[in-house]
N, C-alpha and C. Protein backbone atom coordinates (compact mmCIF):
# COMPACT_ATOMS: atom_id res chain seq x y z
N MET A 1 -109.24 100.98 16.58
CA MET A 1 -108.62 102.19 16.01
C MET A 1 -109.49 103.39 16.17
N ASN A 2 -110.49 103.31 17.01
CA ASN A 2 -111.40 104.43 17.24
C ASN A 2 -110.88 105.25 18.38
N THR A 3 -110.04 106.31 18.03
CA THR A 3 -109.43 107.13 19.04
C THR A 3 -109.79 108.61 18.83
N GLY A 4 -109.78 109.35 19.90
CA GLY A 4 -110.03 110.79 19.77
C GLY A 4 -111.38 111.11 19.19
N ASP A 5 -111.39 112.01 18.22
CA ASP A 5 -112.65 112.41 17.61
C ASP A 5 -112.99 111.55 16.37
N GLN A 6 -112.30 110.46 16.21
CA GLN A 6 -112.55 109.57 15.08
C GLN A 6 -113.87 108.86 15.29
N ARG A 7 -114.69 108.80 14.22
CA ARG A 7 -116.00 108.14 14.29
C ARG A 7 -115.80 106.67 13.87
N HIS A 8 -116.66 105.82 14.37
CA HIS A 8 -116.68 104.42 13.98
C HIS A 8 -117.51 104.34 12.69
N GLU A 9 -116.85 104.81 11.62
CA GLU A 9 -117.53 104.97 10.34
C GLU A 9 -116.54 104.70 9.21
N ILE A 10 -117.07 104.09 8.15
CA ILE A 10 -116.32 103.92 6.90
C ILE A 10 -117.02 104.75 5.86
N VAL A 11 -116.24 105.64 5.24
CA VAL A 11 -116.73 106.48 4.16
C VAL A 11 -116.36 105.83 2.84
N VAL A 12 -117.31 105.78 1.92
CA VAL A 12 -117.02 105.22 0.61
C VAL A 12 -117.54 106.19 -0.48
N GLY A 13 -116.73 106.41 -1.48
CA GLY A 13 -117.09 107.26 -2.61
C GLY A 13 -117.91 106.47 -3.60
N ALA A 14 -118.95 107.09 -4.14
CA ALA A 14 -119.83 106.44 -5.12
C ALA A 14 -120.10 107.40 -6.27
N ASP A 15 -119.82 106.92 -7.49
CA ASP A 15 -120.13 107.73 -8.66
C ASP A 15 -121.00 106.92 -9.65
N GLY A 16 -121.45 105.73 -9.23
CA GLY A 16 -122.28 104.89 -10.09
C GLY A 16 -121.53 103.93 -10.95
N SER A 17 -120.22 104.08 -11.04
CA SER A 17 -119.40 103.20 -11.88
C SER A 17 -119.28 101.81 -11.21
N GLU A 18 -118.92 100.83 -12.02
CA GLU A 18 -118.75 99.47 -11.47
C GLU A 18 -117.66 99.45 -10.37
N PRO A 19 -116.50 100.13 -10.55
CA PRO A 19 -115.53 100.13 -9.45
C PRO A 19 -116.11 100.77 -8.15
N SER A 20 -116.95 101.78 -8.27
CA SER A 20 -117.49 102.39 -7.05
C SER A 20 -118.52 101.46 -6.39
N ILE A 21 -119.25 100.70 -7.22
CA ILE A 21 -120.20 99.73 -6.66
C ILE A 21 -119.45 98.63 -5.94
N ALA A 22 -118.31 98.17 -6.52
CA ALA A 22 -117.46 97.18 -5.85
C ALA A 22 -116.91 97.76 -4.54
N ALA A 23 -116.59 99.06 -4.56
CA ALA A 23 -116.07 99.69 -3.32
C ALA A 23 -117.16 99.71 -2.24
N ILE A 24 -118.40 99.98 -2.62
CA ILE A 24 -119.51 99.98 -1.64
C ILE A 24 -119.65 98.57 -1.06
N ARG A 25 -119.60 97.56 -1.91
CA ARG A 25 -119.72 96.16 -1.43
C ARG A 25 -118.60 95.84 -0.43
N TRP A 26 -117.39 96.19 -0.80
CA TRP A 26 -116.23 95.92 0.07
C TRP A 26 -116.35 96.65 1.39
N ALA A 27 -116.72 97.94 1.33
CA ALA A 27 -116.87 98.74 2.52
C ALA A 27 -117.96 98.21 3.41
N ALA A 28 -119.07 97.75 2.84
CA ALA A 28 -120.16 97.21 3.62
C ALA A 28 -119.75 95.94 4.38
N ARG A 29 -118.99 95.10 3.67
CA ARG A 29 -118.48 93.91 4.37
C ARG A 29 -117.53 94.26 5.51
N GLN A 30 -116.66 95.22 5.27
CA GLN A 30 -115.75 95.68 6.31
C GLN A 30 -116.49 96.32 7.46
N ALA A 31 -117.49 97.10 7.18
CA ALA A 31 -118.30 97.72 8.23
C ALA A 31 -119.01 96.65 9.08
N GLN A 32 -119.50 95.63 8.43
CA GLN A 32 -120.13 94.55 9.17
C GLN A 32 -119.14 93.84 10.09
N LEU A 33 -117.95 93.57 9.60
CA LEU A 33 -116.93 92.90 10.42
C LEU A 33 -116.45 93.76 11.58
N THR A 34 -116.44 95.03 11.40
CA THR A 34 -115.88 95.91 12.46
C THR A 34 -116.92 96.64 13.27
N GLY A 35 -118.18 96.49 12.91
CA GLY A 35 -119.27 97.17 13.62
C GLY A 35 -119.37 98.67 13.32
N ALA A 36 -118.81 99.06 12.20
CA ALA A 36 -118.85 100.46 11.80
C ALA A 36 -120.12 100.77 11.00
N GLU A 37 -120.40 102.07 10.91
CA GLU A 37 -121.46 102.52 10.05
C GLU A 37 -120.87 102.82 8.67
N LEU A 38 -121.69 102.72 7.67
CA LEU A 38 -121.28 102.98 6.29
C LEU A 38 -121.87 104.28 5.81
N HIS A 39 -121.00 105.20 5.35
CA HIS A 39 -121.44 106.53 4.87
C HIS A 39 -121.01 106.63 3.44
N VAL A 40 -122.00 106.64 2.49
CA VAL A 40 -121.73 106.67 1.05
C VAL A 40 -121.84 108.14 0.61
N VAL A 41 -120.75 108.62 -0.07
CA VAL A 41 -120.68 109.99 -0.47
C VAL A 41 -120.55 110.11 -1.99
N HIS A 42 -121.29 111.04 -2.58
CA HIS A 42 -121.23 111.29 -4.01
C HIS A 42 -120.95 112.77 -4.22
N ALA A 43 -119.92 113.09 -4.93
CA ALA A 43 -119.59 114.51 -5.25
C ALA A 43 -120.09 114.78 -6.65
N TRP A 44 -120.61 115.99 -6.80
CA TRP A 44 -121.09 116.38 -8.14
C TRP A 44 -120.69 117.81 -8.47
N ARG A 45 -120.58 118.09 -9.74
CA ARG A 45 -120.28 119.42 -10.22
C ARG A 45 -121.07 119.71 -11.52
N ARG A 46 -121.34 120.95 -11.75
CA ARG A 46 -121.94 121.32 -13.03
C ARG A 46 -120.93 120.99 -14.12
N PRO A 47 -121.40 120.55 -15.27
CA PRO A 47 -120.48 120.25 -16.36
C PRO A 47 -119.76 121.53 -16.82
N TYR A 48 -118.55 121.37 -17.26
CA TYR A 48 -117.79 122.49 -17.81
C TYR A 48 -118.44 122.92 -19.12
N ASP A 49 -118.45 124.22 -19.40
CA ASP A 49 -119.01 124.70 -20.63
C ASP A 49 -117.94 125.13 -21.62
N TYR A 50 -116.66 125.09 -21.18
CA TYR A 50 -115.54 125.40 -22.06
C TYR A 50 -115.72 126.67 -22.83
N GLY A 51 -116.27 127.72 -22.14
CA GLY A 51 -116.44 129.03 -22.71
C GLY A 51 -117.63 129.20 -23.65
N MET A 52 -118.35 128.18 -23.91
CA MET A 52 -119.54 128.25 -24.74
C MET A 52 -120.78 128.34 -23.83
N PRO A 53 -121.69 129.26 -24.14
CA PRO A 53 -122.88 129.35 -23.29
C PRO A 53 -123.75 128.09 -23.43
N VAL A 54 -124.10 127.50 -22.26
CA VAL A 54 -124.94 126.33 -22.26
C VAL A 54 -126.10 126.58 -21.31
N ASP A 55 -127.28 126.22 -21.72
CA ASP A 55 -128.50 126.45 -20.90
C ASP A 55 -128.72 125.21 -20.03
N TYR A 56 -128.40 125.36 -18.72
CA TYR A 56 -128.59 124.25 -17.76
C TYR A 56 -129.86 124.52 -16.92
N SER A 57 -130.71 125.43 -17.35
CA SER A 57 -131.88 125.79 -16.55
C SER A 57 -132.81 124.64 -16.27
N GLY A 58 -132.89 123.66 -17.13
CA GLY A 58 -133.78 122.56 -16.95
C GLY A 58 -133.13 121.32 -16.23
N ALA A 59 -131.83 121.47 -15.98
CA ALA A 59 -131.13 120.35 -15.38
C ALA A 59 -131.09 120.46 -13.85
N ASP A 60 -131.32 119.35 -13.20
CA ASP A 60 -131.26 119.31 -11.76
C ASP A 60 -130.14 118.36 -11.38
N PHE A 61 -128.93 118.88 -11.34
CA PHE A 61 -127.76 118.02 -11.13
C PHE A 61 -127.76 117.38 -9.71
N GLU A 62 -128.28 118.07 -8.73
CA GLU A 62 -128.28 117.50 -7.40
C GLU A 62 -129.24 116.31 -7.32
N THR A 63 -130.39 116.40 -7.94
CA THR A 63 -131.31 115.28 -7.95
C THR A 63 -130.72 114.09 -8.71
N GLN A 64 -130.06 114.39 -9.82
CA GLN A 64 -129.39 113.33 -10.58
C GLN A 64 -128.34 112.62 -9.69
N ALA A 65 -127.60 113.44 -8.92
CA ALA A 65 -126.57 112.89 -8.03
C ALA A 65 -127.23 112.01 -6.96
N ARG A 66 -128.34 112.49 -6.37
CA ARG A 66 -129.05 111.68 -5.36
C ARG A 66 -129.53 110.36 -5.93
N ASP A 67 -130.08 110.40 -7.15
CA ASP A 67 -130.52 109.16 -7.80
C ASP A 67 -129.37 108.27 -8.08
N CYS A 68 -128.24 108.79 -8.46
CA CYS A 68 -127.06 107.99 -8.73
C CYS A 68 -126.59 107.25 -7.49
N VAL A 69 -126.51 107.96 -6.35
CA VAL A 69 -126.04 107.31 -5.14
C VAL A 69 -127.05 106.29 -4.61
N LYS A 70 -128.32 106.58 -4.72
CA LYS A 70 -129.33 105.62 -4.32
C LYS A 70 -129.25 104.36 -5.15
N GLY A 71 -129.09 104.52 -6.48
CA GLY A 71 -128.99 103.40 -7.36
C GLY A 71 -127.72 102.59 -7.08
N ALA A 72 -126.62 103.24 -6.83
CA ALA A 72 -125.36 102.55 -6.52
C ALA A 72 -125.49 101.73 -5.24
N ILE A 73 -126.11 102.30 -4.23
CA ILE A 73 -126.29 101.56 -2.96
C ILE A 73 -127.18 100.37 -3.18
N ALA A 74 -128.27 100.55 -3.86
CA ALA A 74 -129.21 99.45 -4.18
C ALA A 74 -128.54 98.33 -4.95
N LYS A 75 -127.75 98.68 -5.94
CA LYS A 75 -127.08 97.67 -6.76
C LYS A 75 -125.98 96.95 -5.96
N ALA A 76 -125.28 97.71 -5.15
CA ALA A 76 -124.15 97.10 -4.41
C ALA A 76 -124.63 96.23 -3.27
N LEU A 77 -125.69 96.62 -2.60
CA LEU A 77 -126.10 95.88 -1.37
C LEU A 77 -127.28 95.00 -1.59
N ASP A 78 -127.96 95.06 -2.74
CA ASP A 78 -129.09 94.16 -3.05
C ASP A 78 -130.08 94.06 -1.89
N ASP A 79 -130.38 95.20 -1.29
CA ASP A 79 -131.33 95.24 -0.13
C ASP A 79 -130.89 94.44 1.05
N ASP A 80 -129.61 93.96 1.07
CA ASP A 80 -129.07 93.22 2.17
C ASP A 80 -128.22 94.18 3.01
N ARG A 81 -128.92 94.93 3.86
CA ARG A 81 -128.23 95.95 4.66
C ARG A 81 -128.04 95.45 6.08
N ARG A 82 -126.89 94.91 6.32
CA ARG A 82 -126.58 94.39 7.66
C ARG A 82 -125.88 95.40 8.49
N VAL A 83 -125.62 96.61 7.96
CA VAL A 83 -124.96 97.69 8.63
C VAL A 83 -125.80 98.95 8.41
N PRO A 84 -125.69 99.91 9.34
CA PRO A 84 -126.34 101.20 9.12
C PRO A 84 -125.72 101.90 7.93
N VAL A 85 -126.52 102.38 6.98
CA VAL A 85 -126.04 103.04 5.80
C VAL A 85 -126.65 104.45 5.72
N SER A 86 -125.78 105.43 5.53
CA SER A 86 -126.25 106.78 5.25
C SER A 86 -125.62 107.22 3.98
N SER A 87 -126.21 108.27 3.34
CA SER A 87 -125.62 108.77 2.13
C SER A 87 -125.67 110.25 2.10
N GLU A 88 -124.83 110.81 1.24
CA GLU A 88 -124.72 112.27 1.19
C GLU A 88 -124.25 112.65 -0.21
N VAL A 89 -124.84 113.71 -0.78
CA VAL A 89 -124.36 114.28 -2.04
C VAL A 89 -123.86 115.71 -1.77
N VAL A 90 -122.68 116.00 -2.30
CA VAL A 90 -122.08 117.29 -2.00
C VAL A 90 -121.56 117.85 -3.34
N GLN A 91 -121.82 119.14 -3.54
CA GLN A 91 -121.30 119.78 -4.75
C GLN A 91 -119.85 120.17 -4.47
N GLY A 92 -118.97 119.73 -5.39
CA GLY A 92 -117.57 120.10 -5.28
C GLY A 92 -116.71 119.06 -5.97
N PRO A 93 -115.39 119.34 -5.98
CA PRO A 93 -114.45 118.36 -6.58
C PRO A 93 -114.43 117.07 -5.78
N ALA A 94 -114.48 115.95 -6.48
CA ALA A 94 -114.57 114.63 -5.81
C ALA A 94 -113.50 114.39 -4.73
N ALA A 95 -112.29 114.62 -5.05
CA ALA A 95 -111.22 114.36 -4.09
C ALA A 95 -111.39 115.18 -2.80
N ALA A 96 -111.65 116.47 -2.98
CA ALA A 96 -111.79 117.34 -1.79
C ALA A 96 -113.00 116.94 -0.98
N VAL A 97 -114.14 116.62 -1.63
CA VAL A 97 -115.36 116.25 -0.95
C VAL A 97 -115.11 114.95 -0.16
N LEU A 98 -114.46 113.96 -0.75
CA LEU A 98 -114.22 112.67 -0.08
C LEU A 98 -113.25 112.83 1.10
N ILE A 99 -112.22 113.63 0.92
CA ILE A 99 -111.26 113.85 2.03
C ILE A 99 -111.96 114.53 3.17
N GLU A 100 -112.82 115.52 2.91
CA GLU A 100 -113.51 116.19 4.00
C GLU A 100 -114.51 115.26 4.66
N ALA A 101 -115.23 114.45 3.88
CA ALA A 101 -116.24 113.54 4.46
C ALA A 101 -115.59 112.49 5.33
N ALA A 102 -114.32 112.15 5.03
CA ALA A 102 -113.60 111.09 5.82
C ALA A 102 -112.68 111.67 6.86
N ARG A 103 -112.82 112.96 7.12
CA ARG A 103 -111.90 113.64 8.05
C ARG A 103 -111.82 112.92 9.41
N HIS A 104 -112.90 112.40 9.90
CA HIS A 104 -112.95 111.73 11.23
C HIS A 104 -113.32 110.25 11.12
N ALA A 105 -113.26 109.69 9.94
CA ALA A 105 -113.62 108.29 9.71
C ALA A 105 -112.46 107.39 10.00
N GLU A 106 -112.75 106.11 10.14
CA GLU A 106 -111.73 105.08 10.33
C GLU A 106 -111.06 104.72 9.01
N LEU A 107 -111.84 104.82 7.91
CA LEU A 107 -111.36 104.34 6.63
C LEU A 107 -112.10 105.03 5.51
N LEU A 108 -111.39 105.33 4.44
CA LEU A 108 -112.03 105.84 3.21
C LEU A 108 -111.80 104.79 2.12
N VAL A 109 -112.89 104.36 1.46
CA VAL A 109 -112.85 103.35 0.43
C VAL A 109 -113.31 103.98 -0.88
N ILE A 110 -112.51 103.85 -1.94
CA ILE A 110 -112.88 104.39 -3.22
C ILE A 110 -112.58 103.37 -4.30
N GLY A 111 -113.33 103.42 -5.38
CA GLY A 111 -113.07 102.60 -6.53
C GLY A 111 -112.11 103.29 -7.48
N SER A 112 -111.37 102.49 -8.23
CA SER A 112 -110.45 103.04 -9.23
C SER A 112 -110.76 102.45 -10.59
N ARG A 113 -110.92 103.35 -11.53
CA ARG A 113 -111.21 102.86 -12.91
C ARG A 113 -109.93 102.59 -13.63
N GLY A 114 -109.81 101.40 -14.14
CA GLY A 114 -108.62 101.07 -14.97
C GLY A 114 -108.97 101.25 -16.43
N HIS A 115 -108.02 101.71 -17.22
CA HIS A 115 -108.28 101.98 -18.65
C HIS A 115 -107.15 101.29 -19.44
N GLY A 116 -107.26 99.98 -19.57
CA GLY A 116 -106.27 99.26 -20.37
C GLY A 116 -105.20 98.66 -19.49
N ALA A 117 -104.33 97.91 -20.10
CA ALA A 117 -103.31 97.14 -19.34
C ALA A 117 -102.34 98.06 -18.58
N PHE A 118 -101.75 99.02 -19.24
CA PHE A 118 -100.76 99.87 -18.57
C PHE A 118 -101.48 100.87 -17.66
N ALA A 119 -102.46 101.60 -18.23
CA ALA A 119 -103.15 102.63 -17.44
C ALA A 119 -103.87 102.01 -16.29
N GLY A 120 -104.34 100.81 -16.39
CA GLY A 120 -105.03 100.12 -15.31
C GLY A 120 -104.16 99.86 -14.08
N MET A 121 -102.85 99.91 -14.29
CA MET A 121 -101.92 99.76 -13.16
C MET A 121 -101.78 101.08 -12.37
N LEU A 122 -102.23 102.15 -12.91
CA LEU A 122 -102.09 103.45 -12.32
C LEU A 122 -103.34 103.83 -11.53
N LEU A 123 -103.20 104.72 -10.52
CA LEU A 123 -104.35 105.23 -9.84
C LEU A 123 -104.88 106.43 -10.62
N GLY A 124 -106.18 106.64 -10.56
CA GLY A 124 -106.76 107.83 -11.14
C GLY A 124 -106.44 109.04 -10.32
N SER A 125 -106.75 110.20 -10.83
CA SER A 125 -106.38 111.44 -10.11
C SER A 125 -107.10 111.58 -8.78
N VAL A 126 -108.40 111.19 -8.70
CA VAL A 126 -109.09 111.27 -7.44
C VAL A 126 -108.53 110.28 -6.44
N SER A 127 -108.29 109.02 -6.85
CA SER A 127 -107.72 108.04 -5.98
C SER A 127 -106.34 108.49 -5.47
N GLN A 128 -105.53 108.98 -6.36
CA GLN A 128 -104.19 109.43 -6.01
C GLN A 128 -104.24 110.55 -5.01
N HIS A 129 -105.08 111.50 -5.24
CA HIS A 129 -105.20 112.65 -4.34
C HIS A 129 -105.68 112.19 -2.95
N CYS A 130 -106.66 111.30 -2.90
CA CYS A 130 -107.17 110.80 -1.61
C CYS A 130 -106.09 110.03 -0.85
N VAL A 131 -105.38 109.17 -1.56
CA VAL A 131 -104.32 108.41 -0.94
C VAL A 131 -103.27 109.33 -0.31
N GLN A 132 -102.96 110.42 -1.00
CA GLN A 132 -101.89 111.31 -0.49
C GLN A 132 -102.37 112.27 0.56
N HIS A 133 -103.66 112.60 0.62
CA HIS A 133 -104.07 113.68 1.50
C HIS A 133 -105.13 113.34 2.54
N ALA A 134 -105.68 112.17 2.54
CA ALA A 134 -106.75 111.81 3.50
C ALA A 134 -106.15 111.73 4.91
N HIS A 135 -106.99 111.98 5.88
CA HIS A 135 -106.60 111.96 7.28
C HIS A 135 -106.78 110.57 7.91
N CYS A 136 -107.15 109.59 7.11
CA CYS A 136 -107.33 108.21 7.58
C CYS A 136 -106.80 107.30 6.53
N PRO A 137 -106.73 106.01 6.84
CA PRO A 137 -106.27 105.04 5.78
C PRO A 137 -107.25 105.05 4.64
N VAL A 138 -106.72 104.78 3.43
CA VAL A 138 -107.50 104.78 2.23
C VAL A 138 -107.29 103.40 1.53
N LEU A 139 -108.43 102.78 1.12
CA LEU A 139 -108.37 101.54 0.39
C LEU A 139 -108.93 101.81 -0.98
N VAL A 140 -108.18 101.44 -2.02
CA VAL A 140 -108.63 101.60 -3.40
C VAL A 140 -109.04 100.25 -3.96
N VAL A 141 -110.31 100.10 -4.34
CA VAL A 141 -110.83 98.84 -4.82
C VAL A 141 -110.80 98.88 -6.35
N ARG A 142 -110.28 97.83 -6.92
CA ARG A 142 -110.25 97.74 -8.38
C ARG A 142 -111.23 96.66 -8.82
N GLY A 143 -111.73 96.81 -10.05
CA GLY A 143 -112.57 95.79 -10.60
C GLY A 143 -113.97 95.72 -10.03
N SER A 144 -114.62 94.58 -10.17
CA SER A 144 -115.98 94.47 -9.77
C SER A 144 -116.18 93.57 -8.54
N GLY A 145 -115.12 93.38 -7.73
CA GLY A 145 -115.11 92.58 -6.52
C GLY A 145 -116.31 92.58 -5.78
C-alpha cells in the first residue's frame, strides 16, 4: 500500500493513557509485520483558564509532553524495539495534530477511552474526528490489548 508520496510509516497517538499504550503496542506489532517505521505523536495544549488569570510561568508543558511520550513508549515496548521508533510532541489540538502527522502515513493508530457500558461503545471526539478526516486508514484500539 506504499504508493505515491505515502511513507512506509505507522503513526500512533500517545497521551499516556492505558488505551494509548495499547495503541502503541498494537502499532509496533503491525510495524514489525509490515516493515514500517513507528512514529509516536503527542499533542499538547496549555490548560484552559476559563477567564480566570492563572500563572503558568513555572510550568513547562512541552517538557511534560516529552516525558509523557517517552514514558508511554517505554511502558508499551518494554525496551523491546524491533522496529525503528521516532517520537514527536506538537502543540495543538490532538485531532488536528494527529491528522497532519499521518498525512502521508500508511496507517494512523489511536486509543479510545471508554467510560462505562454505553459510553464505552462510542468513539471519543478525537477518535471520531480522526476516523472522519484522516488521509489514511485509522485503527482505534480499545482497552489494554
